Structures are given as C-alpha cells and as structure tokens.
N, C-alpha and C. Protein backbone atom coordinates (compact mmCIF):
# COMPACT_ATOMS: atom_id res chain seq x y z
N MET A 1 0.83 -1.18 0.00
CA MET A 1 0.00 0.00 0.00
C MET A 1 0.88 1.24 0.00
N LYS A 2 0.33 2.31 -0.51
CA LYS A 2 1.03 3.59 -0.51
C LYS A 2 0.27 4.55 0.37
N TYR A 3 1.01 5.48 0.97
CA TYR A 3 0.42 6.49 1.84
C TYR A 3 0.94 7.86 1.46
N LYS A 4 0.10 8.86 1.68
CA LYS A 4 0.48 10.24 1.42
C LYS A 4 0.55 10.97 2.75
N LYS A 5 1.58 11.76 2.94
CA LYS A 5 1.73 12.53 4.16
C LYS A 5 0.64 13.61 4.23
N LYS A 6 -0.04 13.70 5.37
CA LYS A 6 -1.07 14.72 5.54
C LYS A 6 -0.42 16.10 5.55
N PRO A 7 -1.06 17.08 4.95
CA PRO A 7 -0.49 18.43 5.00
C PRO A 7 -0.61 19.01 6.41
N VAL A 8 0.52 19.26 7.00
CA VAL A 8 0.57 19.81 8.36
C VAL A 8 1.55 20.98 8.34
N ILE A 9 1.15 22.08 8.94
CA ILE A 9 2.06 23.22 9.05
C ILE A 9 2.88 23.03 10.32
N ILE A 10 4.19 23.13 10.18
CA ILE A 10 5.10 22.94 11.32
C ILE A 10 5.87 24.24 11.55
N GLU A 11 6.47 24.32 12.72
CA GLU A 11 7.40 25.40 13.02
C GLU A 11 8.80 24.79 13.06
N ALA A 12 9.77 25.52 12.56
CA ALA A 12 11.14 25.01 12.53
C ALA A 12 12.11 26.18 12.58
N ILE A 13 13.33 25.87 13.01
CA ILE A 13 14.42 26.83 13.01
C ILE A 13 15.66 26.09 12.55
N GLN A 14 16.52 26.77 11.81
CA GLN A 14 17.76 26.14 11.37
C GLN A 14 18.87 26.48 12.35
N TRP A 15 19.60 25.45 12.78
CA TRP A 15 20.75 25.62 13.68
C TRP A 15 21.94 26.02 12.82
N THR A 16 22.39 27.26 12.98
CA THR A 16 23.50 27.78 12.17
C THR A 16 24.84 27.67 12.89
N GLY A 17 24.80 27.35 14.17
CA GLY A 17 26.02 27.37 14.97
C GLY A 17 26.26 28.73 15.60
N GLU A 18 25.51 29.73 15.15
CA GLU A 18 25.65 31.10 15.66
C GLU A 18 24.36 31.61 16.32
N ASN A 19 23.30 30.82 16.32
CA ASN A 19 22.00 31.27 16.83
C ASN A 19 21.52 30.44 18.01
N LEU A 20 22.43 30.13 18.91
CA LEU A 20 22.11 29.27 20.04
C LEU A 20 20.97 29.83 20.88
N LYS A 21 20.98 31.12 21.15
CA LYS A 21 19.91 31.74 21.96
C LYS A 21 18.55 31.52 21.32
N GLU A 22 18.45 31.76 20.01
CA GLU A 22 17.17 31.58 19.31
C GLU A 22 16.73 30.12 19.30
N VAL A 23 17.67 29.21 19.10
CA VAL A 23 17.34 27.79 19.10
C VAL A 23 16.89 27.35 20.49
N LEU A 24 17.57 27.81 21.52
CA LEU A 24 17.19 27.47 22.88
C LEU A 24 15.83 28.06 23.24
N ASP A 25 15.56 29.28 22.78
CA ASP A 25 14.23 29.88 22.98
C ASP A 25 13.16 29.06 22.27
N PHE A 26 13.48 28.53 21.10
CA PHE A 26 12.53 27.75 20.31
C PHE A 26 12.23 26.40 20.97
N THR A 27 13.28 25.72 21.44
CA THR A 27 13.09 24.38 22.01
C THR A 27 12.77 24.40 23.49
N GLY A 28 13.19 25.45 24.17
CA GLY A 28 13.08 25.46 25.63
C GLY A 28 14.25 24.72 26.23
N LYS A 29 14.53 25.02 27.48
CA LYS A 29 15.64 24.37 28.17
C LYS A 29 15.23 22.99 28.65
N ALA A 30 16.19 22.09 28.69
CA ALA A 30 15.96 20.76 29.27
C ALA A 30 15.61 20.93 30.75
N ASP A 31 14.87 19.98 31.28
CA ASP A 31 14.41 20.06 32.67
C ASP A 31 15.55 20.28 33.67
N ASN A 32 16.69 19.67 33.43
CA ASN A 32 17.80 19.76 34.38
C ASN A 32 18.89 20.74 33.91
N PHE A 33 18.54 21.70 33.07
CA PHE A 33 19.50 22.66 32.52
C PHE A 33 20.29 23.35 33.63
N GLU A 34 19.57 23.89 34.62
CA GLU A 34 20.23 24.66 35.70
C GLU A 34 21.13 23.79 36.57
N LYS A 35 20.90 22.49 36.55
CA LYS A 35 21.75 21.58 37.32
C LYS A 35 23.17 21.54 36.75
N TYR A 36 23.29 21.73 35.43
CA TYR A 36 24.58 21.61 34.76
C TYR A 36 25.20 22.94 34.36
N PHE A 37 24.36 23.96 34.14
CA PHE A 37 24.86 25.24 33.64
C PHE A 37 24.37 26.39 34.49
N LYS A 38 25.29 27.22 34.93
CA LYS A 38 24.95 28.36 35.78
C LYS A 38 24.55 29.58 34.96
N SER A 39 24.92 29.59 33.67
CA SER A 39 24.60 30.75 32.84
C SER A 39 24.50 30.31 31.38
N PHE A 40 23.92 31.17 30.58
CA PHE A 40 23.84 30.90 29.14
C PHE A 40 25.24 30.84 28.53
N GLU A 41 26.13 31.71 29.00
CA GLU A 41 27.50 31.74 28.49
C GLU A 41 28.21 30.41 28.74
N GLN A 42 28.01 29.84 29.92
CA GLN A 42 28.62 28.55 30.24
C GLN A 42 28.07 27.47 29.30
N TYR A 43 26.77 27.51 29.05
CA TYR A 43 26.15 26.56 28.14
C TYR A 43 26.69 26.75 26.71
N SER A 44 26.81 28.00 26.28
CA SER A 44 27.32 28.31 24.95
C SER A 44 28.74 27.77 24.79
N ASP A 45 29.58 27.96 25.78
CA ASP A 45 30.95 27.43 25.75
C ASP A 45 30.95 25.91 25.64
N PHE A 46 30.03 25.26 26.37
CA PHE A 46 29.93 23.81 26.32
C PHE A 46 29.55 23.34 24.91
N VAL A 47 28.54 23.98 24.31
CA VAL A 47 28.10 23.59 22.97
C VAL A 47 29.24 23.73 21.98
N LYS A 48 29.98 24.84 22.05
CA LYS A 48 31.11 25.05 21.13
C LYS A 48 32.18 23.99 21.34
N SER A 49 32.47 23.66 22.60
CA SER A 49 33.52 22.67 22.88
C SER A 49 33.07 21.25 22.52
N ASP A 50 31.77 21.06 22.34
CA ASP A 50 31.20 19.75 22.02
C ASP A 50 30.93 19.62 20.52
N GLY A 51 31.69 20.32 19.70
CA GLY A 51 31.56 20.22 18.26
C GLY A 51 30.41 21.01 17.67
N ASN A 52 29.92 22.00 18.42
CA ASN A 52 28.81 22.85 17.96
C ASN A 52 27.57 22.01 17.64
N THR A 53 27.38 20.97 18.44
CA THR A 53 26.22 20.10 18.29
C THR A 53 25.17 20.48 19.31
N PHE A 54 23.94 20.67 18.86
CA PHE A 54 22.84 21.01 19.76
C PHE A 54 22.11 19.72 20.11
N LYS A 55 22.02 19.43 21.40
CA LYS A 55 21.37 18.21 21.87
C LYS A 55 19.89 18.47 22.14
N ILE A 56 19.05 17.58 21.63
CA ILE A 56 17.60 17.67 21.83
C ILE A 56 17.18 16.43 22.62
N PHE A 57 16.56 16.66 23.76
CA PHE A 57 16.13 15.56 24.61
C PHE A 57 14.71 15.17 24.22
N THR A 58 14.54 13.91 23.79
CA THR A 58 13.25 13.42 23.33
C THR A 58 12.85 12.20 24.15
N GLN A 59 11.64 11.71 23.92
CA GLN A 59 11.20 10.49 24.59
C GLN A 59 12.02 9.29 24.14
N GLU A 60 12.58 9.37 22.93
CA GLU A 60 13.39 8.27 22.40
C GLU A 60 14.85 8.37 22.81
N GLY A 61 15.22 9.45 23.48
CA GLY A 61 16.61 9.66 23.88
C GLY A 61 17.12 10.98 23.35
N VAL A 62 18.43 11.15 23.43
CA VAL A 62 19.04 12.40 22.98
C VAL A 62 19.28 12.33 21.48
N MET A 63 18.82 13.36 20.77
CA MET A 63 19.07 13.48 19.33
C MET A 63 20.01 14.66 19.13
N LEU A 64 20.88 14.56 18.14
CA LEU A 64 21.88 15.59 17.90
C LEU A 64 21.56 16.38 16.64
N ALA A 65 21.60 17.70 16.75
CA ALA A 65 21.44 18.58 15.59
C ALA A 65 22.80 19.16 15.26
N SER A 66 23.27 18.90 14.07
CA SER A 66 24.53 19.46 13.59
C SER A 66 24.25 20.81 12.96
N VAL A 67 25.30 21.61 12.83
CA VAL A 67 25.15 22.91 12.16
C VAL A 67 24.55 22.66 10.78
N GLY A 68 23.52 23.43 10.44
CA GLY A 68 22.82 23.29 9.17
C GLY A 68 21.52 22.53 9.29
N ASP A 69 21.39 21.68 10.32
CA ASP A 69 20.15 20.94 10.51
C ASP A 69 19.02 21.87 10.91
N PHE A 70 17.81 21.49 10.54
CA PHE A 70 16.62 22.19 11.01
C PHE A 70 16.12 21.48 12.26
N ILE A 71 15.58 22.24 13.18
CA ILE A 71 14.94 21.67 14.36
C ILE A 71 13.46 21.93 14.21
N ILE A 72 12.70 20.86 14.21
CA ILE A 72 11.26 20.93 13.95
C ILE A 72 10.50 20.76 15.26
N ARG A 73 9.44 21.54 15.40
CA ARG A 73 8.50 21.33 16.50
C ARG A 73 7.36 20.51 15.94
N GLY A 74 7.17 19.32 16.49
CA GLY A 74 6.14 18.42 16.02
C GLY A 74 4.74 18.82 16.49
N ILE A 75 3.76 18.06 16.06
CA ILE A 75 2.37 18.40 16.34
C ILE A 75 2.01 18.24 17.82
N HIS A 76 2.84 17.56 18.59
CA HIS A 76 2.60 17.40 20.02
C HIS A 76 3.56 18.25 20.85
N GLY A 77 4.27 19.19 20.20
CA GLY A 77 5.19 20.07 20.91
C GLY A 77 6.58 19.49 21.07
N GLU A 78 6.81 18.31 20.56
CA GLU A 78 8.13 17.68 20.65
C GLU A 78 9.06 18.31 19.61
N HIS A 79 10.35 18.15 19.81
CA HIS A 79 11.35 18.69 18.90
C HIS A 79 12.24 17.57 18.39
N TYR A 80 12.67 17.71 17.14
CA TYR A 80 13.60 16.73 16.58
C TYR A 80 14.35 17.37 15.42
N PRO A 81 15.58 16.91 15.17
CA PRO A 81 16.39 17.48 14.08
C PRO A 81 16.02 16.86 12.74
N CYS A 82 16.31 17.61 11.69
CA CYS A 82 16.07 17.13 10.33
C CYS A 82 17.19 17.67 9.44
N LYS A 83 17.82 16.79 8.69
CA LYS A 83 18.89 17.22 7.78
C LYS A 83 18.33 18.17 6.73
N PRO A 84 19.11 19.19 6.34
CA PRO A 84 18.59 20.21 5.44
C PRO A 84 18.07 19.67 4.10
N GLU A 85 18.73 18.67 3.55
CA GLU A 85 18.28 18.14 2.26
C GLU A 85 16.91 17.45 2.38
N ILE A 86 16.67 16.77 3.49
CA ILE A 86 15.37 16.13 3.74
C ILE A 86 14.32 17.21 4.00
N PHE A 87 14.70 18.22 4.79
CA PHE A 87 13.78 19.31 5.10
C PHE A 87 13.32 20.00 3.81
N GLU A 88 14.27 20.30 2.92
CA GLU A 88 13.94 21.00 1.68
C GLU A 88 13.05 20.16 0.77
N MET A 89 13.21 18.83 0.79
CA MET A 89 12.36 17.96 -0.03
C MET A 89 10.97 17.78 0.57
N THR A 90 10.85 17.97 1.89
CA THR A 90 9.61 17.66 2.59
C THR A 90 8.74 18.88 2.87
N TYR A 91 9.37 20.03 3.10
CA TYR A 91 8.64 21.21 3.55
C TYR A 91 8.86 22.39 2.60
N GLU A 92 7.87 23.26 2.57
CA GLU A 92 8.02 24.53 1.86
C GLU A 92 7.53 25.63 2.77
N LYS A 93 8.10 26.80 2.60
CA LYS A 93 7.77 27.94 3.46
C LYS A 93 6.31 28.35 3.26
N VAL A 94 5.63 28.64 4.36
CA VAL A 94 4.25 29.11 4.33
C VAL A 94 4.26 30.63 4.42
N ILE A 95 3.52 31.26 3.56
CA ILE A 95 3.37 32.72 3.62
C ILE A 95 2.18 33.02 4.50
N ASP A 96 2.40 33.81 5.55
CA ASP A 96 1.31 34.17 6.47
C ASP A 96 0.34 35.14 5.83
C-alpha cells in the first residue's frame, strides 16, 4: 500500500552554529539545565567545545542537531532534528 503525508504546518528553526539563543528559545531548556549550567554563556561554551552540536532531549533519547540541521517542533510540541536536504524535499515555506 502507498500512503500520502497529511499536509501539516510545522514550526522550525535552522541551527547555524551562531544562533544558540534563538534555538534554545525555540526548544526550551531541558528540565535539568540549571543543574549543569549556571549561565547561558557557560552553556554556549559547552556547545562550542562539544563540536557545535545542539542536543535535543526526546522520549526516544538524545538526538543531535549538527550545524545546518533544522529543528522541527512536532504536532505534540516535541522537537527533533532534520537534515537540510530532507527538510527542503519535505517542507516549503508558508506565507502568512
């Protein structure tokens, strides 16, 4: 059988490696963020030292967004990374 993806409008942001504040605002902080980081600057330094990889905590575990990946907010408020080539084939910009 074949299936067609239902048309759903999503929200997404592209991780550029330079927009950590915007990405963090988009995804929200992990529940235990303050346990590990005392400031945004400390977190920013950690991300840079960790290969500029943005970690997304999901029900399935930690997913990694590399520079260039899009981070999508799903229909239940969850977040997950998507490679740019897949994103471009799957989504198109909506004009408000």
